[in-house]
Amino acid sequence: MAEKTNSNMLFANFNQDFSCISVGTKKGYSITNCDPFGRVYTKNDGARGIVEMLFCTSLIALVGAADQPSSSPRKLQIVNTKVSRGRL
């Protein structure tokens, strides 16, 4: 019998220079630094199916993974994590 898993992770990927990992979940997304290992940024603002980081900058491309308009899979968002208002 197959084991049932309850994973919230929808996406995981390294950035271009493999210095960070971006993770999309059913609740939001996070960016984790590889060396030294540690979480750099987290935001719980809806399901994220794609989370891509531009090298080691504060720019992140997000695509939703839910039915809500704010996290629609048809909507691309470019976010600057260093700016308090967030979206460009």
PDB file of N, CA and C in Angstrom:
ATOM      1  N   MET A   1       0.832  -1.174   0.000  1.00  0.00           N
ATOM      2  CA  MET A   1       0.000   0.000   0.000  1.00  0.00           C
ATOM      3  C   MET A   1       0.882   1.245   0.000  1.00  0.00           C
ATOM      4  N   ALA A   2       0.559   2.207  -0.844  1.00  0.00           N
ATOM      5  CA  ALA A   2       1.348   3.432  -0.948  1.00  0.00           C
ATOM      6  C   ALA A   2       1.148   4.292   0.288  1.00  0.00           C
ATOM      7  N   GLU A   3       2.245   4.913   0.712  1.00  0.00           N
ATOM      8  CA  GLU A   3       2.185   5.781   1.880  1.00  0.00           C
ATOM      9  C   GLU A   3       1.632   7.146   1.478  1.00  0.00           C
ATOM     10  N   LYS A   4       0.719   7.667   2.250  1.00  0.00           N
ATOM     11  CA  LYS A   4       0.101   8.954   1.962  1.00  0.00           C
ATOM     12  C   LYS A   4       0.944  10.069   2.581  1.00  0.00           C
ATOM     13  N   THR A   5       1.275  11.086   1.774  1.00  0.00           N
ATOM     14  CA  THR A   5       2.049  12.215   2.282  1.00  0.00           C
ATOM     15  C   THR A   5       1.211  13.480   2.219  1.00  0.00           C
ATOM     16  N   ASN A   6       1.509  14.398   3.109  1.00  0.00           N
ATOM     17  CA  ASN A   6       0.807  15.671   3.160  1.00  0.00           C
ATOM     18  C   ASN A   6       1.841  16.782   3.037  1.00  0.00           C
ATOM     19  N   SER A   7       2.298  17.034   1.814  1.00  0.00           N
ATOM     20  CA  SER A   7       3.329  18.031   1.577  1.00  0.00           C
ATOM     21  C   SER A   7       2.704  19.366   1.202  1.00  0.00           C
ATOM     22  N   ASN A   8       3.203  20.413   1.784  1.00  0.00           N
ATOM     23  CA  ASN A   8       2.757  21.757   1.442  1.00  0.00           C
ATOM     24  C   ASN A   8       3.618  22.375   0.350  1.00  0.00           C
ATOM     25  N   MET A   9       4.774  21.768   0.030  1.00  0.00           N
ATOM     26  CA  MET A   9       5.688  22.321  -0.955  1.00  0.00           C
ATOM     27  C   MET A   9       5.157  22.096  -2.366  1.00  0.00           C
ATOM     28  N   LEU A  10       5.127  23.176  -3.158  1.00  0.00           N
ATOM     29  CA  LEU A  10       4.679  23.109  -4.543  1.00  0.00           C
ATOM     30  C   LEU A  10       5.820  23.313  -5.530  1.00  0.00           C
ATOM     31  N   PHE A  11       6.914  23.955  -5.089  1.00  0.00           N
ATOM     32  CA  PHE A  11       8.006  24.304  -5.990  1.00  0.00           C
ATOM     33  C   PHE A  11       9.279  24.505  -5.181  1.00  0.00           C
ATOM     34  N   ALA A  12      10.415  24.080  -5.729  1.00  0.00           N
ATOM     35  CA  ALA A  12      11.725  24.352  -5.127  1.00  0.00           C
ATOM     36  C   ALA A  12      12.752  24.446  -6.240  1.00  0.00           C
ATOM     37  N   ASN A  13      13.646  25.425  -6.134  1.00  0.00           N
ATOM     38  CA  ASN A  13      14.641  25.626  -7.180  1.00  0.00           C
ATOM     39  C   ASN A  13      15.802  26.456  -6.641  1.00  0.00           C
ATOM     40  N   PHE A  14      16.993  26.214  -7.195  1.00  0.00           N
ATOM     41  CA  PHE A  14      18.150  27.054  -6.910  1.00  0.00           C
ATOM     42  C   PHE A  14      18.116  28.280  -7.815  1.00  0.00           C
ATOM     43  N   ASN A  15      18.760  29.362  -7.375  1.00  0.00           N
ATOM     44  CA  ASN A  15      18.940  30.503  -8.268  1.00  0.00           C
ATOM     45  C   ASN A  15      20.086  30.190  -9.239  1.00  0.00           C
ATOM     46  N   GLN A  16      20.444  31.131 -10.121  1.00  0.00           N
ATOM     47  CA  GLN A  16      21.406  30.860 -11.185  1.00  0.00           C
ATOM     48  C   GLN A  16      22.802  30.506 -10.689  1.00  0.00           C
ATOM     49  N   ASP A  17      23.238  31.065  -9.572  1.00  0.00           N
ATOM     50  CA  ASP A  17      24.581  30.759  -9.066  1.00  0.00           C
ATOM     51  C   ASP A  17      24.563  29.780  -7.882  1.00  0.00           C
ATOM     52  N   PHE A  18      23.434  29.122  -7.656  1.00  0.00           N
ATOM     53  CA  PHE A  18      23.267  28.085  -6.633  1.00  0.00           C
ATOM     54  C   PHE A  18      23.575  28.573  -5.216  1.00  0.00           C
ATOM     55  N   SER A  19      23.407  29.870  -4.978  1.00  0.00           N
ATOM     56  CA  SER A  19      23.677  30.408  -3.647  1.00  0.00           C
ATOM     57  C   SER A  19      22.424  30.458  -2.771  1.00  0.00           C
ATOM     58  N   CYS A  20      21.238  30.342  -3.387  1.00  0.00           N
ATOM     59  CA  CYS A  20      19.978  30.400  -2.647  1.00  0.00           C
ATOM     60  C   CYS A  20      18.982  29.386  -3.200  1.00  0.00           C
ATOM     61  N   ILE A  21      18.036  29.004  -2.361  1.00  0.00           N
ATOM     62  CA  ILE A  21      16.948  28.112  -2.756  1.00  0.00           C
ATOM     63  C   ILE A  21      15.637  28.867  -2.568  1.00  0.00           C
ATOM     64  N   SER A  22      14.802  28.840  -3.594  1.00  0.00           N
ATOM     65  CA  SER A  22      13.466  29.430  -3.489  1.00  0.00           C
ATOM     66  C   SER A  22      12.450  28.302  -3.402  1.00  0.00           C
ATOM     67  N   VAL A  23      11.496  28.454  -2.484  1.00  0.00           N
ATOM     68  CA  VAL A  23      10.496  27.412  -2.239  1.00  0.00           C
ATOM     69  C   VAL A  23       9.108  28.038  -2.279  1.00  0.00           C
ATOM     70  N   GLY A  24       8.226  27.432  -3.059  1.00  0.00           N
ATOM     71  CA  GLY A  24       6.826  27.834  -3.095  1.00  0.00           C
ATOM     72  C   GLY A  24       5.993  26.805  -2.351  1.00  0.00           C
ATOM     73  N   THR A  25       5.067  27.270  -1.534  1.00  0.00           N
ATOM     74  CA  THR A  25       4.228  26.370  -0.741  1.00  0.00           C
ATOM     75  C   THR A  25       2.754  26.714  -0.952  1.00  0.00           C
ATOM     76  N   LYS A  26       1.888  25.957  -0.308  1.00  0.00           N
ATOM     77  CA  LYS A  26       0.455  26.229  -0.373  1.00  0.00           C
ATOM     78  C   LYS A  26       0.086  27.501   0.386  1.00  0.00           C
ATOM     79  N   LYS A  27       0.983  27.982   1.242  1.00  0.00           N
ATOM     80  CA  LYS A  27       0.706  29.178   2.038  1.00  0.00           C
ATOM     81  C   LYS A  27       1.468  30.415   1.576  1.00  0.00           C
ATOM     82  N   GLY A  28       2.565  30.248   0.823  1.00  0.00           N
ATOM     83  CA  GLY A  28       3.376  31.386   0.415  1.00  0.00           C
ATOM     84  C   GLY A  28       4.694  30.936  -0.177  1.00  0.00           C
ATOM     85  N   TYR A  29       5.761  31.665   0.155  1.00  0.00           N
ATOM     86  CA  TYR A  29       7.076  31.333  -0.388  1.00  0.00           C
ATOM     87  C   TYR A  29       8.170  31.738   0.590  1.00  0.00           C
ATOM     88  N   SER A  30       9.363  31.170   0.373  1.00  0.00           N
ATOM     89  CA  SER A  30      10.513  31.527   1.197  1.00  0.00           C
ATOM     90  C   SER A  30      11.786  31.436   0.368  1.00  0.00           C
ATOM     91  N   ILE A  31      12.787  32.198   0.800  1.00  0.00           N
ATOM     92  CA  ILE A  31      14.110  32.192   0.191  1.00  0.00           C
ATOM     93  C   ILE A  31      15.087  31.788   1.285  1.00  0.00           C
ATOM     94  N   THR A  32      15.930  30.803   0.975  1.00  0.00           N
ATOM     95  CA  THR A  32      16.907  30.308   1.943  1.00  0.00           C
ATOM     96  C   THR A  32      18.299  30.422   1.352  1.00  0.00           C
ATOM     97  N   ASN A  33      19.218  30.986   2.119  1.00  0.00           N
ATOM     98  CA  ASN A  33      20.615  31.100   1.717  1.00  0.00           C
ATOM     99  C   ASN A  33      21.303  29.755   1.925  1.00  0.00           C
ATOM    100  N   CYS A  34      22.197  29.354   1.018  1.00  0.00           N
ATOM    101  CA  CYS A  34      22.876  28.058   1.133  1.00  0.00           C
ATOM    102  C   CYS A  34      24.131  28.120   1.995  1.00  0.00           C
ATOM    103  N   ASP A  35      24.906  29.217   1.903  1.00  0.00           N
ATOM    104  CA  ASP A  35      26.156  29.300   2.654  1.00  0.00           C
ATOM    105  C   ASP A  35      26.375  30.726   3.121  1.00  0.00           C
ATOM    106  N   PRO A  36      26.193  31.019   4.376  1.00  0.00           N
ATOM    107  CA  PRO A  36      25.781  30.131   5.455  1.00  0.00           C
ATOM    108  C   PRO A  36      24.291  29.813   5.335  1.00  0.00           C
ATOM    109  N   PHE A  37      23.938  28.615   5.728  1.00  0.00           N
ATOM    110  CA  PHE A  37      22.564  28.154   5.583  1.00  0.00           C
ATOM    111  C   PHE A  37      21.646  28.916   6.527  1.00  0.00           C
ATOM    112  N   GLY A  38      20.577  29.449   5.995  1.00  0.00           N
ATOM    113  CA  GLY A  38      19.604  30.152   6.830  1.00  0.00           C
ATOM    114  C   GLY A  38      18.529  30.810   5.994  1.00  0.00           C
ATOM    115  N   ARG A  39      17.351  30.924   6.549  1.00  0.00           N
ATOM    116  CA  ARG A  39      16.227  31.548   5.849  1.00  0.00           C
ATOM    117  C   ARG A  39      16.449  33.044   5.766  1.00  0.00           C
ATOM    118  N   VAL A  40      16.285  33.590   4.570  1.00  0.00           N
ATOM    119  CA  VAL A  40      16.502  35.006   4.315  1.00  0.00           C
ATOM    120  C   VAL A  40      15.190  35.777   4.284  1.00  0.00           C
ATOM    121  N   TYR A  41      14.153  35.172   3.688  1.00  0.00           N
ATOM    122  CA  TYR A  41      12.887  35.883   3.499  1.00  0.00           C
ATOM    123  C   TYR A  41      11.747  34.880   3.465  1.00  0.00           C
ATOM    124  N   THR A  42      10.634  35.222   4.088  1.00  0.00           N
ATOM    125  CA  THR A  42       9.431  34.384   4.073  1.00  0.00           C
ATOM    126  C   THR A  42       8.209  35.289   3.980  1.00  0.00           C
ATOM    127  N   LYS A  43       7.250  34.858   3.172  1.00  0.00           N
ATOM    128  CA  LYS A  43       5.984  35.595   3.098  1.00  0.00           C
ATOM    129  C   LYS A  43       4.861  34.601   2.862  1.00  0.00           C
ATOM    130  N   ASN A  44       3.846  34.663   3.705  1.00  0.00           N
ATOM    131  CA  ASN A  44       2.665  33.806   3.584  1.00  0.00           C
ATOM    132  C   ASN A  44       1.531  34.640   3.002  1.00  0.00           C
ATOM    133  N   ASP A  45       1.446  34.638   1.673  1.00  0.00           N
ATOM    134  CA  ASP A  45       0.433  35.454   0.999  1.00  0.00           C
ATOM    135  C   ASP A  45      -0.328  34.680  -0.072  1.00  0.00           C
ATOM    136  N   GLY A  46      -0.450  33.379   0.097  1.00  0.00           N
ATOM    137  CA  GLY A  46      -1.187  32.553  -0.859  1.00  0.00           C
ATOM    138  C   GLY A  46      -0.283  31.561  -1.564  1.00  0.00           C
ATOM    139  N   ALA A  47      -0.884  30.547  -2.150  1.00  0.00           N
ATOM    140  CA  ALA A  47      -0.139  29.467  -2.803  1.00  0.00           C
ATOM    141  C   ALA A  47       0.729  29.996  -3.939  1.00  0.00           C
ATOM    142  N   ARG A  48       1.961  29.469  -4.033  1.00  0.00           N
ATOM    143  CA  ARG A  48       2.912  29.874  -5.061  1.00  0.00           C
ATOM    144  C   ARG A  48       3.417  28.644  -5.799  1.00  0.00           C
ATOM    145  N   GLY A  49       3.113  28.579  -7.100  1.00  0.00           N
ATOM    146  CA  GLY A  49       3.509  27.440  -7.924  1.00  0.00           C
ATOM    147  C   GLY A  49       4.892  27.587  -8.513  1.00  0.00           C
ATOM    148  N   ILE A  50       5.343  28.828  -8.724  1.00  0.00           N
ATOM    149  CA  ILE A  50       6.691  29.102  -9.229  1.00  0.00           C
ATOM    150  C   ILE A  50       7.265  30.264  -8.434  1.00  0.00           C
ATOM    151  N   VAL A  51       8.498  30.092  -7.965  1.00  0.00           N
ATOM    152  CA  VAL A  51       9.232  31.141  -7.252  1.00  0.00           C
ATOM    153  C   VAL A  51      10.648  31.128  -7.808  1.00  0.00           C
ATOM    154  N   GLU A  52      11.023  32.168  -8.542  1.00  0.00           N
ATOM    155  CA  GLU A  52      12.349  32.246  -9.156  1.00  0.00           C
ATOM    156  C   GLU A  52      13.055  33.499  -8.670  1.00  0.00           C
ATOM    157  N   MET A  53      14.303  33.336  -8.261  1.00  0.00           N
ATOM    158  CA  MET A  53      15.104  34.447  -7.759  1.00  0.00           C
ATOM    159  C   MET A  53      16.141  34.832  -8.809  1.00  0.00           C
ATOM    160  N   LEU A  54      16.353  36.129  -9.037  1.00  0.00           N
ATOM    161  CA  LEU A  54      17.349  36.606  -9.988  1.00  0.00           C
ATOM    162  C   LEU A  54      18.706  36.655  -9.302  1.00  0.00           C
ATOM    163  N   PHE A  55      19.577  35.692  -9.648  1.00  0.00           N
ATOM    164  CA  PHE A  55      20.896  35.546  -9.033  1.00  0.00           C
ATOM    165  C   PHE A  55      20.777  35.707  -7.520  1.00  0.00           C
ATOM    166  N   CYS A  56      21.565  36.595  -6.913  1.00  0.00           N
ATOM    167  CA  CYS A  56      21.485  36.781  -5.459  1.00  0.00           C
ATOM    168  C   CYS A  56      20.970  38.194  -5.156  1.00  0.00           C
ATOM    169  N   THR A  57      19.966  38.619  -5.930  1.00  0.00           N
ATOM    170  CA  THR A  57      19.385  39.946  -5.739  1.00  0.00           C
ATOM    171  C   THR A  57      18.099  39.837  -4.924  1.00  0.00           C
ATOM    172  N   SER A  58      17.459  40.959  -4.728  1.00  0.00           N
ATOM    173  CA  SER A  58      16.195  40.976  -3.989  1.00  0.00           C
ATOM    174  C   SER A  58      14.987  40.842  -4.917  1.00  0.00           C
ATOM    175  N   LEU A  59      15.221  40.580  -6.209  1.00  0.00           N
ATOM    176  CA  LEU A  59      14.122  40.441  -7.167  1.00  0.00           C
ATOM    177  C   LEU A  59      13.670  38.995  -7.284  1.00  0.00           C
ATOM    178  N   ILE A  60      12.355  38.795  -7.153  1.00  0.00           N
ATOM    179  CA  ILE A  60      11.772  37.454  -7.207  1.00  0.00           C
ATOM    180  C   ILE A  60      10.578  37.480  -8.161  1.00  0.00           C
ATOM    181  N   ALA A  61      10.500  36.466  -9.027  1.00  0.00           N
ATOM    182  CA  ALA A  61       9.343  36.285  -9.906  1.00  0.00           C
ATOM    183  C   ALA A  61       8.436  35.238  -9.277  1.00  0.00           C
ATOM    184  N   LEU A  62       7.143  35.553  -9.180  1.00  0.00           N
ATOM    185  CA  LEU A  62       6.175  34.672  -8.528  1.00  0.00           C
ATOM    186  C   LEU A  62       5.007  34.370  -9.458  1.00  0.00           C
ATOM    187  N   VAL A  63       4.577  33.118  -9.456  1.00  0.00           N
ATOM    188  CA  VAL A  63       3.353  32.713 -10.142  1.00  0.00           C
ATOM    189  C   VAL A  63       2.523  31.955  -9.126  1.00  0.00           C
ATOM    190  N   GLY A  64       1.271  32.309  -9.031  1.00  0.00           N
ATOM    191  CA  GLY A  64       0.384  31.698  -8.049  1.00  0.00           C
ATOM    192  C   GLY A  64      -0.006  30.275  -8.398  1.00  0.00           C
ATOM    193  N   ALA A  65      -0.692  29.642  -7.457  1.00  0.00           N
ATOM    194  CA  ALA A  65      -1.136  28.256  -7.639  1.00  0.00           C
ATOM    195  C   ALA A  65      -2.480  28.026  -6.966  1.00  0.00           C
ATOM    196  N   ALA A  66      -3.338  29.047  -6.978  1.00  0.00           N
ATOM    197  CA  ALA A  66      -4.636  28.909  -6.304  1.00  0.00           C
ATOM    198  C   ALA A  66      -5.714  29.615  -7.111  1.00  0.00           C
ATOM    199  N   ASP A  67      -6.947  29.480  -6.649  1.00  0.00           N
ATOM    200  CA  ASP A  67      -8.085  30.078  -7.335  1.00  0.00           C
ATOM    201  C   ASP A  67      -8.308  31.548  -6.976  1.00  0.00           C
ATOM    202  N   GLN A  68      -7.698  32.014  -5.894  1.00  0.00           N
ATOM    203  CA  GLN A  68      -7.874  33.407  -5.500  1.00  0.00           C
ATOM    204  C   GLN A  68      -7.174  34.316  -6.517  1.00  0.00           C
ATOM    205  N   PRO A  69      -7.756  35.492  -6.804  1.00  0.00           N
ATOM    206  CA  PRO A  69      -7.140  36.412  -7.766  1.00  0.00           C
ATOM    207  C   PRO A  69      -5.724  36.836  -7.387  1.00  0.00           C
ATOM    208  N   SER A  70      -5.428  36.936  -6.101  1.00  0.00           N
ATOM    209  CA  SER A  70      -4.098  37.374  -5.674  1.00  0.00           C
ATOM    210  C   SER A  70      -3.017  36.334  -5.929  1.00  0.00           C
ATOM    211  N   SER A  71      -3.384  35.074  -6.060  1.00  0.00           N
ATOM    212  CA  SER A  71      -2.388  34.029  -6.325  1.00  0.00           C
ATOM    213  C   SER A  71      -2.826  33.146  -7.497  1.00  0.00           C
ATOM    214  N   SER A  72      -3.295  33.788  -8.554  1.00  0.00           N
ATOM    215  CA  SER A  72      -3.750  33.084  -9.753  1.00  0.00           C
ATOM    216  C   SER A  72      -2.564  32.534 -10.545  1.00  0.00           C
ATOM    217  N   PRO A  73      -2.680  31.338 -11.133  1.00  0.00           N
ATOM    218  CA  PRO A  73      -1.609  30.796 -11.968  1.00  0.00           C
ATOM    219  C   PRO A  73      -1.467  31.545 -13.296  1.00  0.00           C
ATOM    220  N   ARG A  74      -2.355  32.485 -13.574  1.00  0.00           N
ATOM    221  CA  ARG A  74      -2.275  33.289 -14.794  1.00  0.00           C
ATOM    222  C   ARG A  74      -1.625  34.645 -14.552  1.00  0.00           C
ATOM    223  N   LYS A  75      -1.142  34.865 -13.349  1.00  0.00           N
ATOM    224  CA  LYS A  75      -0.613  36.176 -12.982  1.00  0.00           C
ATOM    225  C   LYS A  75       0.855  36.062 -12.576  1.00  0.00           C
ATOM    226  N   LEU A  76       1.713  36.827 -13.254  1.00  0.00           N
ATOM    227  CA  LEU A  76       3.135  36.902 -12.909  1.00  0.00           C
ATOM    228  C   LEU A  76       3.353  38.153 -12.072  1.00  0.00           C
ATOM    229  N   GLN A  77       4.049  37.989 -10.953  1.00  0.00           N
ATOM    230  CA  GLN A  77       4.377  39.125 -10.098  1.00  0.00           C
ATOM    231  C   GLN A  77       5.890  39.202  -9.968  1.00  0.00           C
ATOM    232  N   ILE A  78       6.435  40.407 -10.070  1.00  0.00           N
ATOM    233  CA  ILE A  78       7.849  40.651  -9.804  1.00  0.00           C
ATOM    234  C   ILE A  78       7.900  41.406  -8.484  1.00  0.00           C
ATOM    235  N   VAL A  79       8.592  40.832  -7.511  1.00  0.00           N
ATOM    236  CA  VAL A  79       8.629  41.386  -6.161  1.00  0.00           C
ATOM    237  C   VAL A  79      10.055  41.776  -5.812  1.00  0.00           C
ATOM    238  N   ASN A  80      10.212  42.952  -5.220  1.00  0.00           N
ATOM    239  CA  ASN A  80      11.484  43.393  -4.674  1.00  0.00           C
ATOM    240  C   ASN A  80      11.380  43.248  -3.158  1.00  0.00           C
ATOM    241  N   THR A  81      12.078  42.278  -2.590  1.00  0.00           N
ATOM    242  CA  THR A  81      11.956  41.999  -1.156  1.00  0.00           C
ATOM    243  C   THR A  81      12.599  43.077  -0.289  1.00  0.00           C
ATOM    244  N   LYS A  82      13.387  43.965  -0.865  1.00  0.00           N
ATOM    245  CA  LYS A  82      14.019  45.043  -0.097  1.00  0.00           C
ATOM    246  C   LYS A  82      13.119  46.264   0.038  1.00  0.00           C
ATOM    247  N   VAL A  83      12.061  46.350  -0.759  1.00  0.00           N
ATOM    248  CA  VAL A  83      11.137  47.483  -0.722  1.00  0.00           C
ATOM    249  C   VAL A  83       9.920  47.075   0.084  1.00  0.00           C
ATOM    250  N   SER A  84       9.497  47.927   1.000  1.00  0.00           N
ATOM    251  CA  SER A  84       8.405  47.563   1.902  1.00  0.00           C
ATOM    252  C   SER A  84       7.079  47.327   1.180  1.00  0.00           C
ATOM    253  N   ARG A  85       6.804  48.068   0.113  1.00  0.00           N
ATOM    254  CA  ARG A  85       5.527  47.870  -0.580  1.00  0.00           C
ATOM    255  C   ARG A  85       5.545  46.636  -1.468  1.00  0.00           C
ATOM    256  N   GLY A  86       6.723  46.106  -1.811  1.00  0.00           N
ATOM    257  CA  GLY A  86       6.831  44.797  -2.453  1.00  0.00           C
ATOM    258  C   GLY A  86       6.754  44.753  -3.946  1.00  0.00           C
ATOM    259  N   ARG A  87       5.594  44.881  -4.540  1.00  0.00           N
ATOM    260  CA  ARG A  87       5.424  44.582  -5.963  1.00  0.00           C
ATOM    261  C   ARG A  87       5.805  45.764  -6.844  1.00  0.00           C
ATOM    262  N   LEU A  88       6.470  45.443  -7.950  1.00  0.00           N
ATOM    263  CA  LEU A  88       6.848  46.471  -8.930  1.00  0.00           C
ATOM    264  C   LEU A  88       5.776  46.618  -9.974  1.00  0.00           C
TER     265      LEU A  88
END
